[in-house]
Each structure stands twice: as structure tokens, then as C-alpha cells.
Amino acid sequence: MATNAIRPTTVRLDETTKKRLKRIAELRNRSPHWMILEAVRQYVDREEKREAFRQDGIKAWREYQATGLHVTSEEADVWLEKLEAGQGEDVPECHG
């Protein structure tokens, strides 16, 4: 069996939400099924990105705890202002 086999899943919606979904689907010339799939895909994409961002933050925090290396907010602000002005500045050096 293929690993990407499509399998049915039940989604139980209250009548009000079902009607709203059907109305939007009709306005978009889409099926309610398509709308649900799209909503789930967007949600999963967003949550994967959110989790990756969270994991990056955890990793950065652990690295800081281990090394103490950092850039101050003032140093970061100066660097960002130069970037915004179109001056290709190198990333500030981390220090302890």
C-alpha cells in the first residue's frame, strides 16, 4: 500500500458551521470538501512553521545558557537600522 494513500476522515460540524462553510464554498465556486482540505492544509502548514520557530527559540536559549554569547538589543537595533538604510552590514559579533 502506498504511504500517501488517501483515507477518509470524519469531521463533525454543527449545523451553523456547516451552513457557513457551504455558503463560502458556493461563493468561491469550490466544494465544501475542498474548503475543509484547504483549511486543514493551511492550519498544518502554519503550525509546523510555528513549532519550528519555537524549537529555534529553545535551541537559541540553550546555546545562550551554555555559552553566554549574545548581542544586545542596542547592537541589534543599530545593525537593523543599517540594513534598513541599505547598508550591507555584517551580523554583529556575539560576545559574553
C-alpha atoms as a PDB file:
ATOM      1  CA  MET A   1       0.000   0.000   0.000  1.00  0.00           C
ATOM      2  CA  ALA A   2       1.277   3.485  -0.849  1.00  0.00           C
ATOM      3  CA  THR A   3       2.427   5.627   2.054  1.00  0.00           C
ATOM      4  CA  ASN A   4       0.413   8.601   0.775  1.00  0.00           C
ATOM      5  CA  ALA A   5      -2.834   6.686   0.436  1.00  0.00           C
ATOM      6  CA  ILE A   6      -5.855   8.916   0.832  1.00  0.00           C
ATOM      7  CA  ARG A   7      -8.097   7.781   3.647  1.00  0.00           C
ATOM      8  CA  PRO A   8     -11.444   9.237   4.643  1.00  0.00           C
ATOM      9  CA  THR A   9     -11.712  11.176   7.891  1.00  0.00           C
ATOM     10  CA  THR A  10     -14.886  12.285   9.557  1.00  0.00           C
ATOM     11  CA  VAL A  11     -15.319  15.893  10.586  1.00  0.00           C
ATOM     12  CA  ARG A  12     -18.378  16.630  12.660  1.00  0.00           C
ATOM     13  CA  LEU A  13     -19.664  20.160  12.294  1.00  0.00           C
ATOM     14  CA  ASP A  14     -22.583  21.858  13.952  1.00  0.00           C
ATOM     15  CA  GLU A  15     -25.353  22.901  11.578  1.00  0.00           C
ATOM     16  CA  THR A  16     -24.476  26.612  11.722  1.00  0.00           C
ATOM     17  CA  THR A  17     -20.847  25.988  10.768  1.00  0.00           C
ATOM     18  CA  LYS A  18     -21.927  23.603   8.001  1.00  0.00           C
ATOM     19  CA  LYS A  19     -24.184  26.271   6.517  1.00  0.00           C
ATOM     20  CA  ARG A  20     -21.461  28.902   6.735  1.00  0.00           C
ATOM     21  CA  LEU A  21     -18.985  26.546   5.061  1.00  0.00           C
ATOM     22  CA  LYS A  22     -21.435  25.719   2.293  1.00  0.00           C
ATOM     23  CA  ARG A  23     -22.142  29.427   1.694  1.00  0.00           C
ATOM     24  CA  ILE A  24     -18.461  30.323   1.428  1.00  0.00           C
ATOM     25  CA  ALA A  25     -17.771  27.295  -0.781  1.00  0.00           C
ATOM     26  CA  GLU A  26     -20.532  28.395  -3.160  1.00  0.00           C
ATOM     27  CA  LEU A  27     -19.174  31.958  -3.254  1.00  0.00           C
ATOM     28  CA  ARG A  28     -15.706  30.600  -4.090  1.00  0.00           C
ATOM     29  CA  ASN A  29     -17.003  28.070  -6.628  1.00  0.00           C
ATOM     30  CA  ARG A  30     -15.483  25.300  -4.526  1.00  0.00           C
ATOM     31  CA  SER A  31     -16.892  22.272  -2.773  1.00  0.00           C
ATOM     32  CA  PRO A  32     -17.200  22.178   1.000  1.00  0.00           C
ATOM     33  CA  HIS A  33     -14.807  19.211   0.853  1.00  0.00           C
ATOM     34  CA  TRP A  34     -12.175  21.337  -0.913  1.00  0.00           C
ATOM     35  CA  MET A  35     -12.651  24.137   1.634  1.00  0.00           C
ATOM     36  CA  ILE A  36     -12.124  21.740   4.548  1.00  0.00           C
ATOM     37  CA  LEU A  37      -8.996  20.245   2.946  1.00  0.00           C
ATOM     38  CA  GLU A  38      -7.587  23.706   2.298  1.00  0.00           C
ATOM     39  CA  ALA A  39      -8.308  24.825   5.861  1.00  0.00           C
ATOM     40  CA  VAL A  40      -6.585  21.761   7.295  1.00  0.00           C
ATOM     41  CA  ARG A  41      -3.564  22.172   4.991  1.00  0.00           C
ATOM     42  CA  GLN A  42      -3.178  25.832   5.923  1.00  0.00           C
ATOM     43  CA  TYR A  43      -3.531  25.053   9.617  1.00  0.00           C
ATOM     44  CA  VAL A  44      -0.945  22.253   9.478  1.00  0.00           C
ATOM     45  CA  ASP A  45       1.498  24.429   7.479  1.00  0.00           C
ATOM     46  CA  ARG A  46       1.101  27.299   9.952  1.00  0.00           C
ATOM     47  CA  GLU A  47       1.509  25.057  12.997  1.00  0.00           C
ATOM     48  CA  GLU A  48       4.609  23.368  11.533  1.00  0.00           C
ATOM     49  CA  LYS A  49       6.190  26.787  10.991  1.00  0.00           C
ATOM     50  CA  ARG A  50       5.164  27.906  14.473  1.00  0.00           C
ATOM     51  CA  GLU A  51       6.690  24.775  16.007  1.00  0.00           C
ATOM     52  CA  ALA A  52       9.920  25.191  14.004  1.00  0.00           C
ATOM     53  CA  PHE A  53      10.143  28.804  15.252  1.00  0.00           C
ATOM     54  CA  ARG A  54       9.543  27.615  18.826  1.00  0.00           C
ATOM     55  CA  GLN A  55      12.221  24.932  18.503  1.00  0.00           C
ATOM     56  CA  ASP A  56      14.682  27.514  17.118  1.00  0.00           C
ATOM     57  CA  GLY A  57      13.981  29.687  20.155  1.00  0.00           C
ATOM     58  CA  ILE A  58      14.554  26.776  22.536  1.00  0.00           C
ATOM     59  CA  LYS A  59      17.798  25.923  20.746  1.00  0.00           C
ATOM     60  CA  ALA A  60      18.975  29.545  20.910  1.00  0.00           C
ATOM     61  CA  TRP A  61      18.106  29.773  24.609  1.00  0.00           C
ATOM     62  CA  ARG A  62      20.034  26.559  25.379  1.00  0.00           C
ATOM     63  CA  GLU A  63      23.004  27.786  23.372  1.00  0.00           C
ATOM     64  CA  TYR A  64      22.960  31.083  25.269  1.00  0.00           C
ATOM     65  CA  GLN A  65      22.753  29.234  28.598  1.00  0.00           C
ATOM     66  CA  ALA A  66      25.738  27.081  27.608  1.00  0.00           C
ATOM     67  CA  THR A  67      27.944  29.817  26.140  1.00  0.00           C
ATOM     68  CA  GLY A  68      26.646  33.159  27.390  1.00  0.00           C
ATOM     69  CA  LEU A  69      27.250  34.578  23.909  1.00  0.00           C
ATOM     70  CA  HIS A  70      24.763  37.250  22.887  1.00  0.00           C
ATOM     71  CA  VAL A  71      24.138  40.512  21.057  1.00  0.00           C
ATOM     72  CA  THR A  72      22.488  43.344  22.968  1.00  0.00           C
ATOM     73  CA  SER A  73      19.219  44.808  21.767  1.00  0.00           C
ATOM     74  CA  GLU A  74      21.034  48.090  21.115  1.00  0.00           C
ATOM     75  CA  GLU A  75      23.590  46.326  18.898  1.00  0.00           C
ATOM     76  CA  ALA A  76      20.809  44.540  17.046  1.00  0.00           C
ATOM     77  CA  ASP A  77      18.881  47.811  16.592  1.00  0.00           C
ATOM     78  CA  VAL A  78      21.937  49.568  15.114  1.00  0.00           C
ATOM     79  CA  TRP A  79      22.509  46.640  12.758  1.00  0.00           C
ATOM     80  CA  LEU A  80      18.855  46.549  11.678  1.00  0.00           C
ATOM     81  CA  GLU A  81      18.805  50.316  11.081  1.00  0.00           C
ATOM     82  CA  LYS A  82      21.826  49.997   8.793  1.00  0.00           C
ATOM     83  CA  LEU A  83      20.193  47.134   6.909  1.00  0.00           C
ATOM     84  CA  GLU A  84      17.003  49.154   6.542  1.00  0.00           C
ATOM     85  CA  ALA A  85      19.050  52.040   5.139  1.00  0.00           C
ATOM     86  CA  GLY A  86      20.511  49.699   2.510  1.00  0.00           C
ATOM     87  CA  GLN A  87      23.936  49.421   4.095  1.00  0.00           C
ATOM     88  CA  GLY A  88      25.022  45.788   3.819  1.00  0.00           C
ATOM     89  CA  GLU A  89      26.357  45.314   7.317  1.00  0.00           C
ATOM     90  CA  ASP A  90      27.710  42.043   8.683  1.00  0.00           C
ATOM     91  CA  VAL A  91      25.830  40.462  11.559  1.00  0.00           C
ATOM     92  CA  PRO A  92      27.127  41.837  14.872  1.00  0.00           C
ATOM     93  CA  GLU A  93      29.681  39.668  16.657  1.00  0.00           C
ATOM     94  CA  CYS A  94      28.327  37.750  19.636  1.00  0.00           C
ATOM     95  CA  HIS A  95      30.104  38.330  22.920  1.00  0.00           C
ATOM     96  CA  GLY A  96      29.917  37.132  26.527  1.00  0.00           C
END
